N, C-alpha and C. Protein backbone atom coordinates (compact mmCIF):
# COMPACT_ATOMS: atom_id res chain seq x y z
N UNK A 1 0.84 -1.18 0.00
CA UNK A 1 0.00 0.00 0.00
C UNK A 1 0.89 1.24 0.00
N UNK A 2 0.50 2.25 -0.77
CA UNK A 2 1.26 3.48 -0.88
C UNK A 2 1.26 4.25 0.43
N UNK A 3 2.32 5.05 0.64
CA UNK A 3 2.37 5.88 1.85
C UNK A 3 1.75 7.25 1.60
N UNK A 4 1.22 7.48 0.40
CA UNK A 4 0.53 8.73 0.10
C UNK A 4 -0.62 8.92 1.07
N UNK A 5 -0.74 10.11 1.63
CA UNK A 5 -1.80 10.40 2.60
C UNK A 5 -2.79 11.39 2.03
N UNK A 6 -4.05 11.15 2.32
CA UNK A 6 -5.07 12.13 2.01
C UNK A 6 -4.98 13.25 3.05
N UNK A 7 -5.51 14.44 2.74
CA UNK A 7 -5.46 15.52 3.73
C UNK A 7 -6.56 15.38 4.79
N UNK A 8 -6.68 14.16 5.32
CA UNK A 8 -7.64 13.85 6.37
C UNK A 8 -6.95 12.97 7.38
N UNK A 9 -7.33 13.10 8.62
CA UNK A 9 -6.77 12.27 9.68
C UNK A 9 -7.91 11.75 10.53
N UNK A 10 -7.69 10.59 11.13
CA UNK A 10 -8.69 10.03 12.05
C UNK A 10 -8.16 10.10 13.47
N UNK A 11 -9.10 10.21 14.40
CA UNK A 11 -8.83 10.06 15.83
C UNK A 11 -9.84 9.04 16.32
N UNK A 12 -9.35 7.94 16.85
CA UNK A 12 -10.21 6.87 17.35
C UNK A 12 -10.03 6.78 18.85
N UNK A 13 -11.14 6.98 19.57
CA UNK A 13 -11.13 6.78 21.01
C UNK A 13 -11.82 5.46 21.32
N UNK A 14 -11.10 4.59 22.02
CA UNK A 14 -11.63 3.28 22.41
C UNK A 14 -12.00 3.32 23.88
N UNK A 15 -13.12 2.70 24.19
CA UNK A 15 -13.56 2.69 25.58
C UNK A 15 -14.00 1.28 25.98
N UNK A 16 -14.10 1.09 27.29
CA UNK A 16 -14.79 -0.07 27.84
C UNK A 16 -15.58 0.43 29.04
N UNK A 17 -16.66 -0.25 29.31
CA UNK A 17 -17.50 0.11 30.44
C UNK A 17 -17.34 -0.99 31.48
N UNK A 18 -16.88 -0.61 32.67
CA UNK A 18 -16.61 -1.62 33.70
C UNK A 18 -17.91 -2.07 34.38
N UNK A 19 -17.79 -3.02 35.28
CA UNK A 19 -18.97 -3.62 35.91
C UNK A 19 -19.77 -2.62 36.75
N UNK A 20 -19.14 -1.51 37.15
CA UNK A 20 -19.84 -0.47 37.90
C UNK A 20 -20.48 0.57 36.98
N UNK A 21 -20.32 0.37 35.66
CA UNK A 21 -20.89 1.31 34.69
C UNK A 21 -20.00 2.50 34.37
N UNK A 22 -18.75 2.47 34.84
CA UNK A 22 -17.82 3.56 34.55
C UNK A 22 -17.21 3.38 33.17
N UNK A 23 -17.11 4.48 32.44
CA UNK A 23 -16.51 4.45 31.11
C UNK A 23 -15.02 4.75 31.26
N UNK A 24 -14.20 3.88 30.70
CA UNK A 24 -12.75 4.05 30.71
C UNK A 24 -12.26 4.16 29.28
N UNK A 25 -11.26 5.03 29.07
CA UNK A 25 -10.76 5.34 27.73
C UNK A 25 -9.33 4.88 27.57
N UNK A 26 -9.04 4.27 26.43
CA UNK A 26 -7.68 3.82 26.10
C UNK A 26 -6.90 5.00 25.53
N UNK A 27 -5.76 5.29 26.14
CA UNK A 27 -4.86 6.31 25.62
C UNK A 27 -3.49 5.69 25.41
N UNK A 28 -2.78 6.21 24.43
CA UNK A 28 -1.43 5.76 24.12
C UNK A 28 -0.47 6.93 24.27
N UNK A 29 0.74 6.64 24.73
CA UNK A 29 1.76 7.69 24.86
C UNK A 29 2.75 7.56 23.71
N UNK A 30 2.88 8.63 22.96
CA UNK A 30 3.81 8.65 21.84
C UNK A 30 5.25 8.62 22.32
N UNK A 31 6.14 8.13 21.48
CA UNK A 31 7.56 8.12 21.82
C UNK A 31 8.06 9.56 21.96
N UNK A 32 9.16 9.77 22.68
CA UNK A 32 9.71 11.12 22.78
C UNK A 32 10.00 11.74 21.41
N UNK A 33 10.48 10.94 20.46
CA UNK A 33 10.77 11.46 19.12
C UNK A 33 9.51 11.94 18.40
N UNK A 34 8.35 11.42 18.82
CA UNK A 34 7.07 11.81 18.22
C UNK A 34 6.27 12.74 19.12
N UNK A 35 6.93 13.34 20.09
CA UNK A 35 6.28 14.34 20.93
C UNK A 35 6.08 13.94 22.38
N UNK A 36 6.07 12.63 22.68
CA UNK A 36 5.96 12.15 24.05
C UNK A 36 4.64 12.45 24.74
N UNK A 37 3.59 12.75 24.00
CA UNK A 37 2.31 13.10 24.62
C UNK A 37 1.32 11.95 24.51
N UNK A 38 0.25 12.04 25.32
CA UNK A 38 -0.81 11.04 25.35
C UNK A 38 -1.89 11.43 24.34
N UNK A 39 -2.50 10.40 23.72
CA UNK A 39 -3.56 10.63 22.75
C UNK A 39 -4.33 9.34 22.52
N UNK A 40 -5.40 9.45 21.72
CA UNK A 40 -6.10 8.27 21.24
C UNK A 40 -5.34 7.70 20.05
N UNK A 41 -5.99 6.83 19.31
CA UNK A 41 -5.40 6.26 18.09
C UNK A 41 -5.54 7.31 16.99
N UNK A 42 -4.45 7.64 16.31
CA UNK A 42 -4.51 8.64 15.25
C UNK A 42 -3.77 8.18 14.01
N UNK A 43 -4.10 8.82 12.91
CA UNK A 43 -3.37 8.54 11.68
C UNK A 43 -4.10 9.10 10.48
N UNK A 44 -3.38 9.15 9.39
CA UNK A 44 -3.92 9.68 8.14
C UNK A 44 -4.51 8.57 7.29
N UNK A 45 -5.51 8.94 6.51
CA UNK A 45 -6.07 8.00 5.54
C UNK A 45 -5.11 7.90 4.35
N UNK A 46 -4.88 6.69 3.90
CA UNK A 46 -4.03 6.48 2.75
C UNK A 46 -4.82 6.72 1.47
N UNK A 47 -4.15 6.73 0.35
CA UNK A 47 -4.78 7.02 -0.94
C UNK A 47 -6.03 6.17 -1.14
N UNK A 48 -7.15 6.84 -1.41
CA UNK A 48 -8.44 6.21 -1.70
C UNK A 48 -9.01 5.37 -0.54
N UNK A 49 -8.47 5.51 0.65
CA UNK A 49 -8.94 4.73 1.79
C UNK A 49 -10.07 5.47 2.50
N UNK A 50 -11.25 4.83 2.67
CA UNK A 50 -12.31 5.47 3.46
C UNK A 50 -11.83 5.69 4.90
N UNK A 51 -12.33 6.74 5.52
CA UNK A 51 -11.86 7.09 6.86
C UNK A 51 -12.12 5.98 7.88
N UNK A 52 -13.26 5.33 7.79
CA UNK A 52 -13.55 4.26 8.75
C UNK A 52 -12.56 3.10 8.60
N UNK A 53 -12.12 2.85 7.36
CA UNK A 53 -11.10 1.82 7.14
C UNK A 53 -9.75 2.28 7.67
N UNK A 54 -9.48 3.58 7.57
CA UNK A 54 -8.24 4.13 8.15
C UNK A 54 -8.24 3.95 9.66
N UNK A 55 -9.41 4.14 10.29
CA UNK A 55 -9.50 3.94 11.74
C UNK A 55 -9.21 2.49 12.11
N UNK A 56 -9.77 1.54 11.35
CA UNK A 56 -9.49 0.12 11.61
C UNK A 56 -8.01 -0.20 11.43
N UNK A 57 -7.44 0.30 10.34
CA UNK A 57 -6.03 0.03 10.04
C UNK A 57 -5.13 0.62 11.11
N UNK A 58 -5.38 1.88 11.49
CA UNK A 58 -4.55 2.51 12.51
C UNK A 58 -4.65 1.77 13.84
N UNK A 59 -5.84 1.31 14.19
CA UNK A 59 -6.01 0.55 15.44
C UNK A 59 -5.15 -0.71 15.41
N UNK A 60 -5.21 -1.43 14.31
CA UNK A 60 -4.42 -2.65 14.17
C UNK A 60 -2.93 -2.34 14.20
N UNK A 61 -2.51 -1.32 13.45
CA UNK A 61 -1.09 -0.97 13.39
C UNK A 61 -0.54 -0.50 14.74
N UNK A 62 -1.32 0.29 15.46
CA UNK A 62 -0.81 0.90 16.69
C UNK A 62 -1.00 0.05 17.94
N UNK A 63 -1.95 -0.92 17.90
CA UNK A 63 -2.23 -1.71 19.11
C UNK A 63 -2.24 -3.21 18.87
N UNK A 64 -2.29 -3.64 17.62
CA UNK A 64 -2.41 -5.06 17.33
C UNK A 64 -3.82 -5.59 17.50
N UNK A 65 -4.79 -4.72 17.78
CA UNK A 65 -6.18 -5.13 17.99
C UNK A 65 -6.98 -4.89 16.72
N UNK A 66 -7.66 -5.93 16.27
CA UNK A 66 -8.49 -5.84 15.08
C UNK A 66 -9.92 -5.50 15.48
N UNK A 67 -10.49 -4.50 14.82
CA UNK A 67 -11.85 -4.05 15.13
C UNK A 67 -12.75 -4.16 13.92
N UNK A 68 -13.99 -4.51 14.15
CA UNK A 68 -15.01 -4.42 13.11
C UNK A 68 -16.03 -3.36 13.46
N UNK A 69 -16.38 -3.25 14.72
CA UNK A 69 -17.44 -2.34 15.15
C UNK A 69 -16.87 -1.00 15.58
N UNK A 70 -16.99 -0.05 14.70
CA UNK A 70 -16.53 1.31 14.96
C UNK A 70 -17.71 2.25 14.76
N UNK A 71 -17.85 3.19 15.66
CA UNK A 71 -18.93 4.18 15.57
C UNK A 71 -18.37 5.44 14.94
N UNK A 72 -18.96 5.85 13.85
CA UNK A 72 -18.57 7.10 13.21
C UNK A 72 -19.35 8.22 13.90
N UNK A 73 -18.66 9.25 14.36
CA UNK A 73 -19.33 10.37 15.02
C UNK A 73 -19.45 11.53 14.04
N UNK A 74 -20.14 12.56 14.45
CA UNK A 74 -20.20 13.79 13.64
C UNK A 74 -19.15 14.79 14.12
N UNK A 75 -18.22 14.33 14.94
CA UNK A 75 -17.19 15.20 15.49
C UNK A 75 -16.03 15.29 14.50
N UNK A 76 -15.70 16.50 14.12
CA UNK A 76 -14.51 16.73 13.29
C UNK A 76 -14.08 18.18 13.47
N UNK A 77 -12.83 18.43 13.17
CA UNK A 77 -12.25 19.76 13.32
C UNK A 77 -11.01 19.83 12.46
N UNK A 78 -10.45 21.01 12.32
CA UNK A 78 -9.23 21.15 11.54
C UNK A 78 -8.03 21.26 12.48
N UNK A 79 -6.91 20.75 11.98
CA UNK A 79 -5.66 20.86 12.72
C UNK A 79 -4.58 21.38 11.76
N UNK A 80 -3.61 22.04 12.33
CA UNK A 80 -2.50 22.57 11.54
C UNK A 80 -1.54 21.44 11.24
N UNK A 81 -1.09 21.38 9.99
CA UNK A 81 -0.11 20.36 9.60
C UNK A 81 1.27 20.89 9.98
N UNK A 82 1.97 20.10 10.77
CA UNK A 82 3.33 20.47 11.16
C UNK A 82 4.21 20.42 9.92
N UNK A 83 5.14 21.36 9.76
CA UNK A 83 5.97 21.41 8.55
C UNK A 83 6.67 20.10 8.22
N UNK A 84 7.12 19.38 9.23
CA UNK A 84 7.83 18.11 8.96
C UNK A 84 6.91 17.02 8.41
N UNK A 85 5.59 17.20 8.53
CA UNK A 85 4.64 16.22 8.01
C UNK A 85 4.02 16.66 6.68
N UNK A 86 4.16 17.93 6.32
CA UNK A 86 3.48 18.47 5.15
C UNK A 86 3.81 17.72 3.86
N UNK A 87 5.04 17.29 3.71
CA UNK A 87 5.44 16.60 2.47
C UNK A 87 4.76 15.24 2.31
N UNK A 88 4.23 14.67 3.37
CA UNK A 88 3.58 13.36 3.28
C UNK A 88 2.16 13.46 2.74
N UNK A 89 1.61 14.69 2.70
CA UNK A 89 0.26 14.89 2.21
C UNK A 89 0.32 15.44 0.79
N UNK A 90 -0.63 15.01 -0.03
CA UNK A 90 -0.67 15.47 -1.41
C UNK A 90 -1.71 16.57 -1.54
N UNK A 91 -1.32 17.80 -1.21
CA UNK A 91 -2.23 18.91 -1.37
C UNK A 91 -1.46 20.16 -1.76
N UNK A 92 -2.18 21.23 -2.01
CA UNK A 92 -1.58 22.48 -2.45
C UNK A 92 -0.54 22.94 -1.43
N UNK A 93 0.60 23.45 -1.90
CA UNK A 93 1.67 23.86 -0.98
C UNK A 93 1.26 24.91 0.05
N UNK A 94 0.24 25.70 -0.27
CA UNK A 94 -0.20 26.73 0.67
C UNK A 94 -1.18 26.20 1.72
N UNK A 95 -1.63 24.96 1.57
CA UNK A 95 -2.58 24.40 2.52
C UNK A 95 -1.88 24.14 3.84
N UNK A 96 -2.47 24.62 4.92
CA UNK A 96 -1.86 24.49 6.24
C UNK A 96 -2.65 23.60 7.18
N UNK A 97 -3.88 23.22 6.79
CA UNK A 97 -4.76 22.51 7.70
C UNK A 97 -5.26 21.22 7.07
N UNK A 98 -5.55 20.25 7.93
CA UNK A 98 -6.24 19.04 7.52
C UNK A 98 -7.41 18.84 8.47
N UNK A 99 -8.36 18.03 8.05
CA UNK A 99 -9.51 17.72 8.88
C UNK A 99 -9.25 16.42 9.63
N UNK A 100 -9.61 16.41 10.91
CA UNK A 100 -9.52 15.20 11.73
C UNK A 100 -10.94 14.78 12.09
N UNK A 101 -11.31 13.55 11.70
CA UNK A 101 -12.62 12.99 12.00
C UNK A 101 -12.48 12.01 13.16
N UNK A 102 -13.48 12.00 14.04
CA UNK A 102 -13.41 11.25 15.28
C UNK A 102 -14.34 10.04 15.25
N UNK A 103 -13.82 8.91 15.72
CA UNK A 103 -14.54 7.65 15.79
C UNK A 103 -14.46 7.10 17.21
N UNK A 104 -15.39 6.19 17.52
CA UNK A 104 -15.41 5.52 18.83
C UNK A 104 -15.46 4.02 18.60
N UNK A 105 -14.78 3.27 19.45
CA UNK A 105 -14.87 1.81 19.43
C UNK A 105 -14.99 1.32 20.87
N UNK A 106 -15.76 0.26 21.04
CA UNK A 106 -15.90 -0.37 22.35
C UNK A 106 -14.99 -1.59 22.38
N UNK A 107 -14.20 -1.70 23.43
CA UNK A 107 -13.30 -2.83 23.63
C UNK A 107 -13.65 -3.54 24.92
N UNK A 108 -13.09 -4.70 25.09
CA UNK A 108 -13.18 -5.43 26.34
C UNK A 108 -12.03 -4.99 27.23
N UNK A 109 -12.24 -4.93 28.55
CA UNK A 109 -11.11 -4.60 29.43
C UNK A 109 -9.98 -5.61 29.32
N UNK A 110 -10.29 -6.78 28.78
CA UNK A 110 -9.26 -7.80 28.60
C UNK A 110 -8.37 -7.52 27.40
N UNK A 111 -8.80 -6.63 26.51
CA UNK A 111 -7.97 -6.29 25.34
C UNK A 111 -6.70 -5.61 25.81
N UNK A 112 -5.58 -6.16 25.43
CA UNK A 112 -4.27 -5.64 25.83
C UNK A 112 -3.51 -5.22 24.57
N UNK A 113 -3.32 -3.91 24.38
CA UNK A 113 -2.59 -3.46 23.21
C UNK A 113 -1.16 -3.97 23.17
N UNK A 114 -0.72 -4.30 21.97
CA UNK A 114 0.68 -4.58 21.70
C UNK A 114 1.14 -3.38 20.88
N UNK A 115 1.92 -2.52 21.50
CA UNK A 115 2.24 -1.23 20.90
C UNK A 115 3.22 -1.32 19.74
N UNK A 116 3.01 -0.44 18.78
CA UNK A 116 3.94 -0.30 17.67
C UNK A 116 5.12 0.55 18.15
N UNK A 117 6.04 0.82 17.24
CA UNK A 117 7.19 1.65 17.61
C UNK A 117 6.83 3.13 17.73
N UNK A 118 5.56 3.49 17.53
CA UNK A 118 5.12 4.88 17.66
C UNK A 118 4.82 5.27 19.12
N UNK A 119 4.65 4.26 19.98
CA UNK A 119 4.21 4.53 21.36
C UNK A 119 5.06 3.78 22.38
N UNK A 120 5.08 4.34 23.61
CA UNK A 120 5.87 3.72 24.68
C UNK A 120 5.02 3.17 25.82
N UNK A 121 3.76 3.59 25.90
CA UNK A 121 2.93 3.18 27.03
C UNK A 121 1.46 3.30 26.63
N UNK A 122 0.61 2.65 27.41
CA UNK A 122 -0.84 2.74 27.22
C UNK A 122 -1.52 2.56 28.56
N UNK A 123 -2.78 2.94 28.62
CA UNK A 123 -3.54 2.73 29.84
C UNK A 123 -5.00 3.05 29.64
N UNK A 124 -5.81 2.52 30.57
CA UNK A 124 -7.25 2.82 30.62
C UNK A 124 -7.44 3.94 31.62
N UNK A 125 -8.20 4.98 31.22
CA UNK A 125 -8.37 6.15 32.07
C UNK A 125 -9.83 6.60 32.12
N UNK A 126 -10.23 7.07 33.30
CA UNK A 126 -11.55 7.72 33.42
C UNK A 126 -11.50 9.00 32.59
N UNK A 127 -12.66 9.60 32.36
CA UNK A 127 -12.69 10.85 31.61
C UNK A 127 -11.82 11.91 32.28
N UNK A 128 -11.96 12.08 33.58
CA UNK A 128 -11.18 13.11 34.28
C UNK A 128 -9.68 12.84 34.19
N UNK A 129 -9.28 11.59 34.36
CA UNK A 129 -7.87 11.25 34.25
C UNK A 129 -7.36 11.51 32.82
N UNK A 130 -8.15 11.09 31.84
CA UNK A 130 -7.75 11.27 30.44
C UNK A 130 -7.61 12.74 30.09
N UNK A 131 -8.58 13.54 30.51
CA UNK A 131 -8.53 14.97 30.23
C UNK A 131 -7.29 15.60 30.86
N UNK A 132 -6.88 15.09 32.01
CA UNK A 132 -5.72 15.68 32.69
C UNK A 132 -4.39 15.34 32.01
N UNK A 133 -4.35 14.28 31.19
CA UNK A 133 -3.07 13.93 30.55
C UNK A 133 -3.05 14.15 29.03
N UNK A 134 -4.21 14.35 28.41
CA UNK A 134 -4.20 14.64 26.98
C UNK A 134 -3.53 15.99 26.73
N UNK A 135 -2.83 16.09 25.63
CA UNK A 135 -2.03 17.27 25.33
C UNK A 135 -2.77 18.31 24.47
N UNK A 136 -3.44 17.84 23.43
CA UNK A 136 -4.05 18.74 22.47
C UNK A 136 -5.46 19.14 22.91
N UNK A 137 -5.74 20.44 22.97
CA UNK A 137 -7.08 20.90 23.38
C UNK A 137 -8.23 20.33 22.53
N UNK A 138 -8.02 20.18 21.23
CA UNK A 138 -9.09 19.64 20.39
C UNK A 138 -9.32 18.16 20.67
N UNK A 139 -8.27 17.44 21.06
CA UNK A 139 -8.42 16.04 21.47
C UNK A 139 -9.23 15.95 22.76
N UNK A 140 -8.98 16.88 23.68
CA UNK A 140 -9.73 16.91 24.94
C UNK A 140 -11.20 17.16 24.67
N UNK A 141 -11.50 18.15 23.85
CA UNK A 141 -12.88 18.47 23.52
C UNK A 141 -13.56 17.28 22.83
N UNK A 142 -12.85 16.64 21.91
CA UNK A 142 -13.41 15.49 21.21
C UNK A 142 -13.69 14.35 22.18
N UNK A 143 -12.79 14.10 23.13
CA UNK A 143 -13.02 13.03 24.10
C UNK A 143 -14.25 13.32 24.96
N UNK A 144 -14.41 14.56 25.38
CA UNK A 144 -15.59 14.91 26.17
C UNK A 144 -16.87 14.65 25.37
N UNK A 145 -16.85 14.97 24.09
CA UNK A 145 -18.02 14.72 23.24
C UNK A 145 -18.24 13.21 23.06
N UNK A 146 -17.16 12.45 22.89
CA UNK A 146 -17.28 10.99 22.78
C UNK A 146 -17.85 10.40 24.06
N UNK A 147 -17.39 10.91 25.18
CA UNK A 147 -17.87 10.43 26.47
C UNK A 147 -19.38 10.67 26.59
N UNK A 148 -19.82 11.82 26.13
CA UNK A 148 -21.25 12.12 26.16
C UNK A 148 -22.03 11.17 25.26
N UNK A 149 -21.48 10.87 24.10
CA UNK A 149 -22.14 9.93 23.18
C UNK A 149 -22.28 8.56 23.85
N UNK A 150 -21.18 8.05 24.42
CA UNK A 150 -21.22 6.73 25.05
C UNK A 150 -22.13 6.75 26.28
N UNK A 151 -22.08 7.83 27.05
CA UNK A 151 -22.93 7.95 28.24
C UNK A 151 -24.41 7.91 27.89
N UNK A 152 -24.72 8.39 26.70
CA UNK A 152 -26.13 8.41 26.26
C UNK A 152 -26.51 7.14 25.54
N UNK A 153 -25.80 6.06 25.84
CA UNK A 153 -26.14 4.71 25.39
C UNK A 153 -26.16 4.49 23.89
N UNK A 154 -25.14 4.97 23.21
CA UNK A 154 -24.97 4.61 21.81
C UNK A 154 -24.78 3.11 21.74
N UNK A 155 -25.45 2.49 20.80
CA UNK A 155 -25.34 1.04 20.64
C UNK A 155 -23.91 0.67 20.26
N UNK A 156 -23.20 -0.11 21.12
CA UNK A 156 -21.81 -0.46 20.83
C UNK A 156 -21.63 -1.33 19.59
N UNK A 157 -22.70 -1.93 19.08
CA UNK A 157 -22.58 -2.76 17.89
C UNK A 157 -22.83 -1.97 16.60
N UNK A 158 -23.12 -0.69 16.75
CA UNK A 158 -23.40 0.16 15.61
C UNK A 158 -22.15 0.39 14.78
N UNK A 159 -22.28 0.40 13.49
CA UNK A 159 -21.14 0.71 12.62
C UNK A 159 -21.64 1.52 11.45
N UNK A 160 -20.86 2.53 11.10
CA UNK A 160 -21.21 3.34 9.92
C UNK A 160 -20.50 2.82 8.71
């Protein structure tokens, strides 16, 4: 598969609901060379790849977990493309922003990520804990919206 990237990125937040009904969120910590910050599963869509397929692929690549049931949300926003990443996207040289679309997946607490070389650590976190360690403000806002969606009983078997 080509490494050409569309000017779109996905953010996938995975959750599990424990026996007490608490929602916990999977976060990954990037390597120091990649910023060293905590985030959900992220990545760009490859050439002609639908975003939901990009979310599945990124989940598998970054955690070793294969997913079929992903919830497509209406959450999206623009982010600035860092100069060192701009050459990987095929768009006009003056373009500075890409769109990030947000997805949700339900996992079992028994799911144990096997991290790729992009990350050094992972963990399950409550909303408050996750908000306290996430780095990007738009990621924080997106997680709060995802939490609201899951709290309002979105069917975990739903897939777009």
